[in-house]
Amino acid sequence: MRRLIRLWRLTGRDLRVLWDALRQPDRPIWLVAASVLLLFFAIEPLNLAFPVLGVVDDFVLLPLLLRGLVSFALPGIRARRDERVATKA
């Protein structure tokens, strides 16, 4: 139960990081598509058809997918930001 609570606390931070990454002008194109797919997964109608599966994906799978998306996207965004700063200096 503690791991689930910790995962949900990290989810708020991950959402802020993802929002900031989406607002960057040099974000990868795949990040927008992956974010839209993640949003669709969060509001999919399957949650209404299978309530038990809906709870599992909302409380476990969705935060894990968000965490994976952010951890996969951050190195590329940081590298591009470092390149941009280096070219300005």
C-alpha atoms as a PDB file:
ATOM      1  CA  MET A   1       0.000   0.000   0.000  1.00  0.00           C
ATOM      2  CA  ARG A   2       2.899   2.350   0.759  1.00  0.00           C
ATOM      3  CA  ARG A   3       4.321   1.769  -2.712  1.00  0.00           C
ATOM      4  CA  LEU A   4       0.992   2.688  -4.287  1.00  0.00           C
ATOM      5  CA  ILE A   5       0.803   5.915  -2.263  1.00  0.00           C
ATOM      6  CA  ARG A   6       4.394   6.764  -3.192  1.00  0.00           C
ATOM      7  CA  LEU A   7       3.632   6.068  -6.842  1.00  0.00           C
ATOM      8  CA  TRP A   8       0.688   8.473  -6.748  1.00  0.00           C
ATOM      9  CA  ARG A   9       2.837  11.170  -5.123  1.00  0.00           C
ATOM     10  CA  LEU A  10       5.368  10.788  -7.916  1.00  0.00           C
ATOM     11  CA  THR A  11       2.573  10.982 -10.470  1.00  0.00           C
ATOM     12  CA  GLY A  12       1.878  14.621  -9.632  1.00  0.00           C
ATOM     13  CA  ARG A  13       5.525  15.499 -10.159  1.00  0.00           C
ATOM     14  CA  ASP A  14       5.636  13.483 -13.361  1.00  0.00           C
ATOM     15  CA  LEU A  15       2.586  15.333 -14.698  1.00  0.00           C
ATOM     16  CA  ARG A  16       4.293  18.673 -14.061  1.00  0.00           C
ATOM     17  CA  VAL A  17       7.477  17.488 -15.740  1.00  0.00           C
ATOM     18  CA  LEU A  18       5.519  16.170 -18.731  1.00  0.00           C
ATOM     19  CA  TRP A  19       3.603  19.444 -19.025  1.00  0.00           C
ATOM     20  CA  ASP A  20       6.859  21.411 -18.986  1.00  0.00           C
ATOM     21  CA  ALA A  21       8.374  19.056 -21.549  1.00  0.00           C
ATOM     22  CA  LEU A  22       5.385  19.453 -23.861  1.00  0.00           C
ATOM     23  CA  ARG A  23       5.728  23.224 -23.704  1.00  0.00           C
ATOM     24  CA  GLN A  24       9.385  23.121 -24.813  1.00  0.00           C
ATOM     25  CA  PRO A  25       9.933  24.164 -28.432  1.00  0.00           C
ATOM     26  CA  ASP A  26      12.508  21.414 -29.009  1.00  0.00           C
ATOM     27  CA  ARG A  27      10.443  18.526 -27.676  1.00  0.00           C
ATOM     28  CA  PRO A  28      10.508  15.260 -29.621  1.00  0.00           C
ATOM     29  CA  ILE A  29       7.541  14.771 -31.927  1.00  0.00           C
ATOM     30  CA  TRP A  30       6.802  11.351 -30.486  1.00  0.00           C
ATOM     31  CA  LEU A  31       6.252  12.903 -27.054  1.00  0.00           C
ATOM     32  CA  VAL A  32       3.068  14.637 -28.176  1.00  0.00           C
ATOM     33  CA  ALA A  33       1.703  11.440 -29.721  1.00  0.00           C
ATOM     34  CA  ALA A  34       2.605   9.374 -26.653  1.00  0.00           C
ATOM     35  CA  SER A  35       0.955  11.941 -24.368  1.00  0.00           C
ATOM     36  CA  VAL A  36      -2.245  11.851 -26.433  1.00  0.00           C
ATOM     37  CA  LEU A  37      -2.271   8.056 -26.282  1.00  0.00           C
ATOM     38  CA  LEU A  38      -1.735   8.175 -22.528  1.00  0.00           C
ATOM     39  CA  LEU A  39      -4.620  10.629 -22.196  1.00  0.00           C
ATOM     40  CA  PHE A  40      -6.840   8.352 -24.273  1.00  0.00           C
ATOM     41  CA  PHE A  41      -5.834   5.411 -22.098  1.00  0.00           C
ATOM     42  CA  ALA A  42      -6.838   7.409 -19.006  1.00  0.00           C
ATOM     43  CA  ILE A  43     -10.328   8.244 -20.309  1.00  0.00           C
ATOM     44  CA  GLU A  44     -11.021   5.149 -22.372  1.00  0.00           C
ATOM     45  CA  PRO A  45     -14.552   3.742 -22.323  1.00  0.00           C
ATOM     46  CA  LEU A  46     -13.248   0.308 -21.327  1.00  0.00           C
ATOM     47  CA  ASN A  47     -13.256   1.578 -17.749  1.00  0.00           C
ATOM     48  CA  LEU A  48     -17.044   1.571 -17.820  1.00  0.00           C
ATOM     49  CA  ALA A  49     -17.325  -1.883 -19.393  1.00  0.00           C
ATOM     50  CA  PHE A  50     -14.991  -3.616 -16.934  1.00  0.00           C
ATOM     51  CA  PRO A  51     -15.001  -1.713 -13.634  1.00  0.00           C
ATOM     52  CA  VAL A  52     -12.370  -3.908 -11.976  1.00  0.00           C
ATOM     53  CA  LEU A  53      -9.931  -3.444 -14.851  1.00  0.00           C
ATOM     54  CA  GLY A  54     -10.676   0.271 -14.846  1.00  0.00           C
ATOM     55  CA  VAL A  55      -9.601   0.582 -11.233  1.00  0.00           C
ATOM     56  CA  VAL A  56      -6.435  -1.420 -11.841  1.00  0.00           C
ATOM     57  CA  ASP A  57      -5.366   0.648 -14.826  1.00  0.00           C
ATOM     58  CA  ASP A  58      -6.256   3.969 -13.186  1.00  0.00           C
ATOM     59  CA  PHE A  59      -4.409   3.308  -9.962  1.00  0.00           C
ATOM     60  CA  VAL A  60      -1.508   1.151 -11.135  1.00  0.00           C
ATOM     61  CA  LEU A  61      -0.927   1.072 -14.885  1.00  0.00           C
ATOM     62  CA  LEU A  62      -1.545   4.737 -15.621  1.00  0.00           C
ATOM     63  CA  PRO A  63       1.028   6.057 -13.100  1.00  0.00           C
ATOM     64  CA  LEU A  64       3.542   3.448 -14.247  1.00  0.00           C
ATOM     65  CA  LEU A  65       3.086   4.394 -17.898  1.00  0.00           C
ATOM     66  CA  LEU A  66       3.387   8.080 -17.047  1.00  0.00           C
ATOM     67  CA  ARG A  67       6.556   7.417 -15.072  1.00  0.00           C
ATOM     68  CA  GLY A  68       8.033   5.456 -17.952  1.00  0.00           C
ATOM     69  CA  LEU A  69       7.130   8.144 -20.478  1.00  0.00           C
ATOM     70  CA  VAL A  70       8.739  10.884 -18.421  1.00  0.00           C
ATOM     71  CA  SER A  71      11.869   8.884 -17.674  1.00  0.00           C
ATOM     72  CA  PHE A  72      12.223   7.973 -21.356  1.00  0.00           C
ATOM     73  CA  ALA A  73      11.683  11.550 -22.600  1.00  0.00           C
ATOM     74  CA  LEU A  74      13.788  13.493 -20.112  1.00  0.00           C
ATOM     75  CA  PRO A  75      17.296  12.548 -21.299  1.00  0.00           C
ATOM     76  CA  GLY A  76      16.526  13.680 -24.843  1.00  0.00           C
ATOM     77  CA  ILE A  77      14.976  16.944 -23.691  1.00  0.00           C
ATOM     78  CA  ARG A  78      17.878  17.681 -21.372  1.00  0.00           C
ATOM     79  CA  ALA A  79      20.407  16.931 -24.121  1.00  0.00           C
ATOM     80  CA  ARG A  80      18.657  19.286 -26.550  1.00  0.00           C
ATOM     81  CA  ARG A  81      18.459  21.993 -23.901  1.00  0.00           C
ATOM     82  CA  ASP A  82      22.192  21.622 -23.180  1.00  0.00           C
ATOM     83  CA  GLU A  83      22.974  21.868 -26.896  1.00  0.00           C
ATOM     84  CA  ARG A  84      20.845  24.992 -27.199  1.00  0.00           C
ATOM     85  CA  VAL A  85      22.563  26.623 -24.209  1.00  0.00           C
ATOM     86  CA  ALA A  86      26.010  25.682 -25.558  1.00  0.00           C
ATOM     87  CA  THR A  87      25.310  27.237 -28.947  1.00  0.00           C
ATOM     88  CA  LYS A  88      24.113  30.489 -27.348  1.00  0.00           C
ATOM     89  CA  ALA A  89      27.246  30.831 -25.213  1.00  0.00           C
END
